[in-house]
């Protein structure tokens, strides 16, 4: 996907009748629930391998008349030539948090810190120039977020829960 692409298109229509060879129907406890665990629902991720644009339908409600599905899944940018940063190089606390989150770094090198919502939208960006930065998150909605810390050569992603 390119910047500015619509990331998640939500449609409704008649249930699928086998027209899509890559369609997986998730029944019972395998329903994909796109809501956040912090508000009492379940959030699951089903990885999709490959790098081509494709249709991967999502079915949330199945009846004889209608089904709900997503035909575009969030695609995060793939960084090539970037090694994964060791989790020992970064400490994030408290997690879960409600007002203020602290990111402690193993050294004082320049790091970019980006916070993404569970839908992939960037909700904050900071530059850490020392070995610690405090980030105010109290104005953000409760939920699960992805915090990405990078220094140009290495990157690390951490799940953050705001409650």
N, C-alpha and C. Protein backbone atom coordinates (compact mmCIF):
# COMPACT_ATOMS: atom_id res chain seq x y z
N UNK A 1 0.83 -1.18 0.00
CA UNK A 1 0.00 0.00 0.00
C UNK A 1 0.87 1.24 0.00
N UNK A 2 0.37 2.27 -0.61
CA UNK A 2 1.07 3.55 -0.63
C UNK A 2 0.49 4.47 0.43
N UNK A 3 1.25 5.51 0.81
CA UNK A 3 0.76 6.49 1.77
C UNK A 3 -0.53 7.10 1.24
N UNK A 4 -1.52 7.18 2.09
CA UNK A 4 -2.79 7.76 1.70
C UNK A 4 -3.79 6.76 1.16
N UNK A 5 -3.38 5.50 0.96
CA UNK A 5 -4.33 4.48 0.53
C UNK A 5 -5.39 4.30 1.60
N UNK A 6 -6.63 4.01 1.19
CA UNK A 6 -7.60 3.61 2.22
C UNK A 6 -7.15 2.26 2.77
N UNK A 7 -6.93 2.18 4.06
CA UNK A 7 -6.33 0.97 4.63
C UNK A 7 -7.37 -0.11 4.84
N UNK A 8 -8.52 0.24 5.39
CA UNK A 8 -9.53 -0.77 5.66
C UNK A 8 -10.83 -0.34 5.01
N UNK A 9 -11.28 -1.11 4.05
CA UNK A 9 -12.57 -0.87 3.42
C UNK A 9 -13.58 -1.85 4.00
N UNK A 10 -14.71 -1.37 4.47
CA UNK A 10 -15.70 -2.21 5.11
C UNK A 10 -16.93 -2.27 4.21
N UNK A 11 -17.35 -3.46 3.88
CA UNK A 11 -18.50 -3.66 3.01
C UNK A 11 -19.45 -4.65 3.63
N UNK A 12 -20.65 -4.72 3.10
CA UNK A 12 -21.56 -5.79 3.48
C UNK A 12 -22.22 -6.30 2.21
N UNK A 13 -22.67 -7.52 2.27
CA UNK A 13 -23.29 -8.09 1.09
C UNK A 13 -23.66 -9.53 1.33
N UNK A 14 -24.08 -10.24 0.27
CA UNK A 14 -24.45 -11.64 0.43
C UNK A 14 -23.26 -12.47 0.87
N UNK A 15 -23.50 -13.54 1.61
CA UNK A 15 -22.38 -14.40 2.02
C UNK A 15 -21.62 -14.93 0.82
N UNK A 16 -20.34 -15.16 1.01
CA UNK A 16 -19.52 -15.71 -0.07
C UNK A 16 -19.97 -17.12 -0.41
N UNK A 17 -19.93 -17.44 -1.67
CA UNK A 17 -20.31 -18.77 -2.13
C UNK A 17 -19.12 -19.46 -2.78
N UNK A 18 -17.93 -19.27 -2.21
CA UNK A 18 -16.74 -19.93 -2.74
C UNK A 18 -16.08 -19.20 -3.89
N UNK A 19 -16.45 -17.90 -4.11
CA UNK A 19 -15.84 -17.20 -5.23
C UNK A 19 -14.39 -16.82 -5.00
N UNK A 20 -13.91 -16.84 -3.75
CA UNK A 20 -12.56 -16.42 -3.46
C UNK A 20 -11.75 -17.61 -2.94
N UNK A 21 -10.70 -18.02 -3.67
CA UNK A 21 -9.94 -19.19 -3.25
C UNK A 21 -9.16 -19.00 -1.96
N UNK A 22 -8.83 -17.75 -1.60
CA UNK A 22 -8.04 -17.53 -0.39
C UNK A 22 -8.91 -17.14 0.80
N UNK A 23 -10.22 -17.34 0.71
CA UNK A 23 -11.14 -16.98 1.80
C UNK A 23 -11.07 -18.01 2.91
N UNK A 24 -10.89 -17.54 4.13
CA UNK A 24 -10.93 -18.41 5.30
C UNK A 24 -12.10 -17.99 6.16
N UNK A 25 -12.93 -18.91 6.52
CA UNK A 25 -14.07 -18.63 7.38
C UNK A 25 -13.68 -18.97 8.81
N UNK A 26 -13.76 -18.00 9.71
CA UNK A 26 -13.39 -18.22 11.10
C UNK A 26 -14.67 -18.38 11.92
N UNK A 27 -14.86 -19.54 12.50
CA UNK A 27 -16.08 -19.86 13.22
C UNK A 27 -15.82 -19.87 14.72
N UNK A 28 -16.88 -19.68 15.50
CA UNK A 28 -16.80 -19.81 16.96
C UNK A 28 -15.76 -18.87 17.54
N UNK A 29 -14.82 -19.43 18.30
CA UNK A 29 -13.81 -18.61 18.95
C UNK A 29 -12.80 -18.05 17.95
N UNK A 30 -12.90 -18.42 16.68
CA UNK A 30 -11.94 -17.94 15.69
C UNK A 30 -12.41 -16.70 14.94
N UNK A 31 -13.55 -16.11 15.33
CA UNK A 31 -13.95 -14.86 14.70
C UNK A 31 -12.86 -13.82 14.91
N UNK A 32 -12.58 -13.06 13.88
CA UNK A 32 -11.62 -11.97 14.03
C UNK A 32 -12.37 -10.81 14.66
N UNK A 33 -11.95 -10.39 15.83
CA UNK A 33 -12.62 -9.31 16.55
C UNK A 33 -11.72 -8.09 16.51
N UNK A 34 -12.13 -7.06 15.77
CA UNK A 34 -11.29 -5.89 15.56
C UNK A 34 -11.40 -4.86 16.68
N UNK A 35 -11.99 -5.23 17.80
CA UNK A 35 -12.12 -4.31 18.93
C UNK A 35 -11.00 -4.54 19.93
N UNK A 36 -10.84 -3.66 20.85
CA UNK A 36 -9.72 -3.72 21.78
C UNK A 36 -10.05 -4.53 23.02
N UNK A 37 -9.08 -5.28 23.50
CA UNK A 37 -9.22 -6.08 24.70
C UNK A 37 -9.48 -5.20 25.92
N UNK A 38 -8.95 -4.00 25.93
CA UNK A 38 -9.10 -3.13 27.10
C UNK A 38 -10.53 -2.66 27.32
N UNK A 39 -11.39 -2.79 26.33
CA UNK A 39 -12.79 -2.43 26.52
C UNK A 39 -13.67 -3.67 26.59
N UNK A 40 -13.05 -4.81 26.91
CA UNK A 40 -13.82 -6.02 27.17
C UNK A 40 -14.06 -6.91 25.97
N UNK A 41 -13.39 -6.66 24.87
CA UNK A 41 -13.54 -7.53 23.71
C UNK A 41 -12.19 -8.16 23.39
N UNK A 42 -12.15 -8.96 22.35
CA UNK A 42 -10.94 -9.69 22.01
C UNK A 42 -10.36 -9.13 20.72
N UNK A 43 -9.05 -9.02 20.66
CA UNK A 43 -8.36 -8.55 19.46
C UNK A 43 -7.43 -9.66 19.00
N UNK A 44 -7.59 -10.10 17.76
CA UNK A 44 -6.75 -11.17 17.24
C UNK A 44 -6.10 -10.72 15.94
N UNK A 45 -4.94 -11.24 15.67
CA UNK A 45 -4.24 -10.95 14.43
C UNK A 45 -4.06 -12.26 13.68
N UNK A 46 -4.39 -12.25 12.39
CA UNK A 46 -4.17 -13.40 11.54
C UNK A 46 -3.20 -12.96 10.45
N UNK A 47 -1.94 -13.38 10.54
CA UNK A 47 -0.94 -12.92 9.57
C UNK A 47 -1.24 -13.44 8.16
N UNK A 48 -0.94 -12.61 7.19
CA UNK A 48 -1.13 -12.96 5.79
C UNK A 48 0.24 -12.87 5.14
N UNK A 49 0.72 -13.96 4.58
CA UNK A 49 2.03 -13.98 3.95
C UNK A 49 1.96 -13.44 2.54
N UNK A 50 3.04 -12.85 2.08
CA UNK A 50 3.09 -12.34 0.71
C UNK A 50 3.13 -10.84 0.71
N UNK A 51 3.45 -10.27 -0.43
CA UNK A 51 3.59 -8.82 -0.51
C UNK A 51 2.73 -8.21 -1.60
N UNK A 52 1.91 -8.99 -2.25
CA UNK A 52 1.09 -8.47 -3.34
C UNK A 52 -0.27 -7.99 -2.82
N UNK A 53 -0.85 -7.02 -3.52
CA UNK A 53 -2.21 -6.61 -3.18
C UNK A 53 -3.12 -7.79 -3.50
N UNK A 54 -3.98 -8.12 -2.58
CA UNK A 54 -4.87 -9.25 -2.78
C UNK A 54 -6.12 -9.06 -1.94
N UNK A 55 -7.13 -9.84 -2.21
CA UNK A 55 -8.37 -9.79 -1.46
C UNK A 55 -8.35 -10.88 -0.40
N UNK A 56 -8.43 -10.49 0.85
CA UNK A 56 -8.49 -11.43 1.97
C UNK A 56 -9.75 -11.10 2.75
N UNK A 57 -10.88 -11.66 2.37
CA UNK A 57 -12.14 -11.30 3.03
C UNK A 57 -12.15 -11.66 4.51
N UNK A 58 -12.89 -10.88 5.27
CA UNK A 58 -13.08 -11.08 6.70
C UNK A 58 -14.58 -11.19 6.92
N UNK A 59 -15.03 -12.19 7.62
CA UNK A 59 -16.46 -12.37 7.85
C UNK A 59 -16.74 -12.30 9.34
N UNK A 60 -17.58 -11.36 9.77
CA UNK A 60 -17.87 -11.20 11.19
C UNK A 60 -19.24 -11.74 11.56
N UNK A 61 -20.20 -11.67 10.67
CA UNK A 61 -21.55 -12.12 10.97
C UNK A 61 -22.04 -12.89 9.76
N UNK A 62 -22.46 -14.11 9.95
CA UNK A 62 -22.88 -14.93 8.82
C UNK A 62 -24.33 -15.33 9.02
N UNK A 63 -25.17 -14.93 8.08
CA UNK A 63 -26.57 -15.37 8.05
C UNK A 63 -26.87 -15.76 6.62
N UNK A 64 -28.08 -16.19 6.37
CA UNK A 64 -28.46 -16.56 5.01
C UNK A 64 -28.54 -15.33 4.12
N UNK A 65 -28.74 -14.14 4.72
CA UNK A 65 -28.95 -12.94 3.92
C UNK A 65 -27.72 -12.06 3.75
N UNK A 66 -26.89 -11.98 4.76
CA UNK A 66 -25.83 -10.99 4.70
C UNK A 66 -24.61 -11.44 5.51
N UNK A 67 -23.46 -10.96 5.12
CA UNK A 67 -22.24 -11.14 5.91
C UNK A 67 -21.48 -9.82 5.88
N UNK A 68 -20.64 -9.60 6.88
CA UNK A 68 -19.80 -8.42 6.94
C UNK A 68 -18.36 -8.86 6.75
N UNK A 69 -17.58 -8.09 6.02
CA UNK A 69 -16.21 -8.51 5.76
C UNK A 69 -15.34 -7.30 5.47
N UNK A 70 -14.05 -7.48 5.63
CA UNK A 70 -13.07 -6.47 5.25
C UNK A 70 -12.38 -6.98 4.00
N UNK A 71 -12.18 -6.12 3.01
CA UNK A 71 -11.46 -6.62 1.84
C UNK A 71 -10.06 -6.02 1.72
N UNK A 72 -9.68 -5.20 2.67
CA UNK A 72 -8.30 -4.71 2.73
C UNK A 72 -7.85 -4.83 4.17
N UNK A 73 -6.71 -5.39 4.37
CA UNK A 73 -6.17 -5.58 5.70
C UNK A 73 -5.04 -4.57 5.89
N UNK A 74 -4.85 -4.12 7.11
CA UNK A 74 -3.79 -3.16 7.39
C UNK A 74 -2.45 -3.73 6.97
N UNK A 75 -1.72 -2.98 6.18
CA UNK A 75 -0.40 -3.41 5.73
C UNK A 75 0.61 -2.44 6.32
N UNK A 76 1.48 -2.93 7.17
CA UNK A 76 2.51 -2.05 7.71
C UNK A 76 3.66 -1.98 6.72
N UNK A 77 4.35 -0.87 6.72
CA UNK A 77 5.48 -0.72 5.81
C UNK A 77 6.55 -1.74 6.13
N UNK A 78 7.15 -2.27 5.11
CA UNK A 78 8.25 -3.22 5.30
C UNK A 78 9.55 -2.44 5.19
N UNK A 79 10.36 -2.51 6.23
CA UNK A 79 11.65 -1.84 6.20
C UNK A 79 12.70 -2.87 5.81
N UNK A 80 13.38 -2.61 4.71
CA UNK A 80 14.43 -3.54 4.30
C UNK A 80 15.77 -2.99 4.73
N UNK A 81 16.67 -3.86 5.06
CA UNK A 81 17.99 -3.44 5.48
C UNK A 81 18.04 -2.88 6.88
N UNK A 82 16.96 -3.07 7.66
CA UNK A 82 16.92 -2.57 9.03
C UNK A 82 16.86 -3.76 9.96
N UNK A 83 17.85 -3.87 10.84
CA UNK A 83 17.88 -4.95 11.81
C UNK A 83 16.93 -4.65 12.95
N UNK A 84 16.48 -5.71 13.62
CA UNK A 84 15.62 -5.52 14.78
C UNK A 84 16.48 -5.16 15.98
N UNK A 85 16.05 -4.14 16.68
CA UNK A 85 16.73 -3.70 17.89
C UNK A 85 16.46 -4.73 19.00
N UNK A 86 17.41 -4.97 19.84
CA UNK A 86 17.23 -5.89 20.96
C UNK A 86 16.25 -5.29 21.96
N UNK A 87 15.33 -6.11 22.49
CA UNK A 87 14.37 -5.60 23.46
C UNK A 87 15.07 -5.15 24.74
N UNK A 88 16.29 -5.63 24.98
CA UNK A 88 17.07 -5.19 26.14
C UNK A 88 17.56 -3.76 26.01
N UNK A 89 17.51 -3.20 24.79
CA UNK A 89 17.96 -1.83 24.57
C UNK A 89 16.90 -0.80 24.95
N UNK A 90 15.65 -1.27 25.18
CA UNK A 90 14.54 -0.37 25.43
C UNK A 90 13.69 -0.92 26.57
N UNK A 91 13.26 -0.03 27.46
CA UNK A 91 12.33 -0.39 28.52
C UNK A 91 11.19 0.61 28.49
N UNK A 92 9.94 0.12 28.49
CA UNK A 92 8.77 0.99 28.43
C UNK A 92 7.93 0.71 29.68
N UNK A 93 7.63 1.75 30.44
CA UNK A 93 6.84 1.55 31.66
C UNK A 93 6.05 2.82 31.97
N UNK A 94 4.95 2.72 32.71
CA UNK A 94 4.26 1.46 32.98
C UNK A 94 3.53 1.00 31.72
N UNK A 95 3.24 -0.24 31.64
CA UNK A 95 2.48 -0.80 30.53
C UNK A 95 1.64 -1.94 31.09
N UNK A 96 0.34 -1.75 31.22
CA UNK A 96 -0.52 -0.67 30.72
C UNK A 96 -0.27 0.67 31.43
N UNK A 97 -0.64 1.74 30.72
CA UNK A 97 -0.49 3.08 31.29
C UNK A 97 -1.76 3.87 31.04
N UNK A 98 -1.87 5.03 31.71
CA UNK A 98 -3.07 5.84 31.51
C UNK A 98 -2.75 7.31 31.20
N UNK A 99 -1.70 7.87 31.81
CA UNK A 99 -1.40 9.29 31.59
C UNK A 99 -0.02 9.54 31.00
N UNK A 100 0.98 8.92 31.60
CA UNK A 100 2.36 9.19 31.21
C UNK A 100 3.11 7.88 31.03
N UNK A 101 3.79 7.76 29.90
CA UNK A 101 4.56 6.56 29.58
C UNK A 101 6.03 6.98 29.48
N UNK A 102 6.91 6.17 30.05
CA UNK A 102 8.34 6.45 30.00
C UNK A 102 9.03 5.43 29.11
N UNK A 103 9.86 5.92 28.20
CA UNK A 103 10.68 5.05 27.35
C UNK A 103 12.13 5.27 27.78
N UNK A 104 12.73 4.22 28.34
CA UNK A 104 14.13 4.28 28.77
C UNK A 104 14.98 3.53 27.76
N UNK A 105 16.05 4.17 27.30
CA UNK A 105 16.92 3.61 26.27
C UNK A 105 18.26 3.22 26.88
N UNK A 106 18.90 2.21 26.32
CA UNK A 106 20.17 1.72 26.85
C UNK A 106 21.30 2.73 26.69
N UNK A 107 21.18 3.63 25.70
CA UNK A 107 22.21 4.65 25.51
C UNK A 107 21.54 5.96 25.11
N UNK A 108 22.31 6.99 24.96
CA UNK A 108 21.77 8.32 24.69
C UNK A 108 21.80 8.68 23.21
N UNK A 109 21.77 7.70 22.33
CA UNK A 109 21.79 8.01 20.90
C UNK A 109 20.41 8.51 20.45
N UNK A 110 20.40 9.22 19.32
CA UNK A 110 19.16 9.76 18.74
C UNK A 110 18.23 8.62 18.34
N UNK A 111 16.99 8.66 18.78
CA UNK A 111 15.99 7.65 18.42
C UNK A 111 14.70 8.35 18.03
N UNK A 112 14.04 7.82 17.02
CA UNK A 112 12.71 8.27 16.65
C UNK A 112 11.71 7.33 17.28
N UNK A 113 10.66 7.89 17.87
CA UNK A 113 9.62 7.10 18.52
C UNK A 113 8.30 7.47 17.87
N UNK A 114 7.59 6.46 17.36
CA UNK A 114 6.32 6.69 16.68
C UNK A 114 5.27 5.79 17.32
N UNK A 115 4.09 6.36 17.61
CA UNK A 115 2.98 5.61 18.19
C UNK A 115 1.88 5.47 17.15
N UNK A 116 1.45 4.22 16.91
CA UNK A 116 0.41 3.93 15.94
C UNK A 116 -0.81 3.37 16.66
N UNK A 117 -2.00 3.72 16.17
CA UNK A 117 -3.23 3.12 16.68
C UNK A 117 -3.32 1.69 16.16
N UNK A 118 -4.27 0.94 16.66
CA UNK A 118 -4.43 -0.45 16.20
C UNK A 118 -4.88 -0.52 14.75
N UNK A 119 -5.34 0.58 14.19
CA UNK A 119 -5.73 0.61 12.78
C UNK A 119 -4.61 1.10 11.88
N UNK A 120 -3.44 1.36 12.47
CA UNK A 120 -2.28 1.74 11.67
C UNK A 120 -2.08 3.23 11.50
N UNK A 121 -2.94 4.05 12.12
CA UNK A 121 -2.80 5.51 11.99
C UNK A 121 -1.73 6.01 12.96
N UNK A 122 -0.86 6.88 12.47
CA UNK A 122 0.15 7.47 13.35
C UNK A 122 -0.55 8.48 14.26
N UNK A 123 -0.38 8.31 15.58
CA UNK A 123 -1.02 9.21 16.53
C UNK A 123 -0.02 10.08 17.29
N UNK A 124 1.26 9.82 17.13
CA UNK A 124 2.27 10.64 17.79
C UNK A 124 3.66 10.30 17.31
N UNK A 125 4.55 11.31 17.34
CA UNK A 125 5.94 11.12 16.92
C UNK A 125 6.82 12.00 17.81
N UNK A 126 7.90 11.40 18.31
CA UNK A 126 8.81 12.10 19.20
C UNK A 126 10.25 11.77 18.83
N UNK A 127 11.17 12.65 19.21
CA UNK A 127 12.60 12.39 19.03
C UNK A 127 13.21 12.29 20.42
N UNK A 128 13.81 11.16 20.72
CA UNK A 128 14.49 10.96 22.00
C UNK A 128 15.96 11.28 21.80
N UNK A 129 16.46 12.28 22.49
CA UNK A 129 17.86 12.68 22.31
C UNK A 129 18.72 12.28 23.50
N UNK A 130 18.12 11.76 24.55
CA UNK A 130 18.86 11.29 25.71
C UNK A 130 18.57 9.81 25.91
N UNK A 131 18.76 9.35 27.14
CA UNK A 131 18.51 7.94 27.40
C UNK A 131 17.13 7.69 27.99
N UNK A 132 16.27 8.75 28.07
CA UNK A 132 14.93 8.58 28.60
C UNK A 132 14.02 9.67 28.06
N UNK A 133 12.76 9.31 27.78
CA UNK A 133 11.77 10.28 27.35
C UNK A 133 10.44 9.90 27.98
N UNK A 134 9.71 10.91 28.48
CA UNK A 134 8.37 10.70 29.02
C UNK A 134 7.37 11.22 28.00
N UNK A 135 6.35 10.43 27.74
CA UNK A 135 5.37 10.76 26.71
C UNK A 135 3.99 10.84 27.34
N UNK A 136 3.30 11.98 27.16
CA UNK A 136 1.94 12.15 27.67
C UNK A 136 0.96 11.45 26.74
N UNK A 137 0.22 10.48 27.27
CA UNK A 137 -0.73 9.71 26.45
C UNK A 137 -2.15 9.81 27.00
N UNK A 138 -2.36 10.64 28.02
CA UNK A 138 -3.66 10.74 28.67
C UNK A 138 -4.78 11.22 27.77
N UNK A 139 -4.46 11.95 26.71
CA UNK A 139 -5.50 12.47 25.81
C UNK A 139 -5.92 11.46 24.74
N UNK A 140 -5.22 10.34 24.66
CA UNK A 140 -5.54 9.33 23.63
C UNK A 140 -6.63 8.39 24.13
N UNK A 141 -7.45 7.85 23.22
CA UNK A 141 -8.47 6.88 23.62
C UNK A 141 -7.85 5.60 24.17
N UNK A 142 -8.57 4.95 25.08
CA UNK A 142 -8.11 3.66 25.59
C UNK A 142 -8.00 2.67 24.44
N UNK A 143 -7.07 1.75 24.56
CA UNK A 143 -6.92 0.73 23.53
C UNK A 143 -5.51 0.22 23.43
N UNK A 144 -5.27 -0.55 22.38
CA UNK A 144 -3.96 -1.14 22.13
C UNK A 144 -3.27 -0.33 21.03
N UNK A 145 -2.02 0.01 21.26
CA UNK A 145 -1.23 0.80 20.33
C UNK A 145 0.08 0.07 20.04
N UNK A 146 0.75 0.49 18.98
CA UNK A 146 2.05 -0.05 18.63
C UNK A 146 3.06 1.09 18.70
N UNK A 147 4.07 0.91 19.55
CA UNK A 147 5.13 1.90 19.70
C UNK A 147 6.35 1.40 18.94
N UNK A 148 6.84 2.19 17.98
CA UNK A 148 8.00 1.81 17.17
C UNK A 148 9.14 2.75 17.52
N UNK A 149 10.27 2.16 17.91
CA UNK A 149 11.46 2.92 18.27
C UNK A 149 12.54 2.57 17.25
N UNK A 150 13.13 3.57 16.61
CA UNK A 150 14.15 3.31 15.60
C UNK A 150 15.27 4.32 15.65
N UNK A 151 16.44 3.90 15.17
CA UNK A 151 17.58 4.81 15.13
C UNK A 151 18.18 4.91 13.73
N UNK A 152 17.45 4.48 12.71
CA UNK A 152 17.96 4.52 11.34
C UNK A 152 18.58 3.21 10.91
N UNK A 153 19.23 2.51 11.84
CA UNK A 153 19.84 1.21 11.52
C UNK A 153 19.03 0.05 12.08
N UNK A 154 18.40 0.27 13.23
CA UNK A 154 17.64 -0.78 13.89
C UNK A 154 16.29 -0.23 14.34
N UNK A 155 15.32 -1.14 14.49
CA UNK A 155 13.99 -0.73 14.94
C UNK A 155 13.43 -1.79 15.87
N UNK A 156 12.52 -1.37 16.75
CA UNK A 156 11.86 -2.27 17.68
C UNK A 156 10.41 -1.84 17.81
N UNK A 157 9.49 -2.80 17.81
CA UNK A 157 8.06 -2.53 17.99
C UNK A 157 7.60 -3.14 19.29
N UNK A 158 6.79 -2.40 20.04
CA UNK A 158 6.25 -2.88 21.31
C UNK A 158 4.76 -2.57 21.37
N UNK A 159 3.98 -3.53 21.88
CA UNK A 159 2.55 -3.32 22.09
C UNK A 159 2.38 -2.51 23.38
N UNK A 160 1.56 -1.46 23.31
CA UNK A 160 1.29 -0.59 24.44
C UNK A 160 -0.21 -0.61 24.70
N UNK A 161 -0.60 -0.72 25.95
CA UNK A 161 -2.02 -0.71 26.30
C UNK A 161 -2.30 0.57 27.09
N UNK A 162 -3.26 1.37 26.59
CA UNK A 162 -3.70 2.57 27.30
C UNK A 162 -5.03 2.26 27.95
N UNK A 163 -5.09 2.49 29.27
CA UNK A 163 -6.34 2.19 29.98
C UNK A 163 -6.84 3.39 30.75
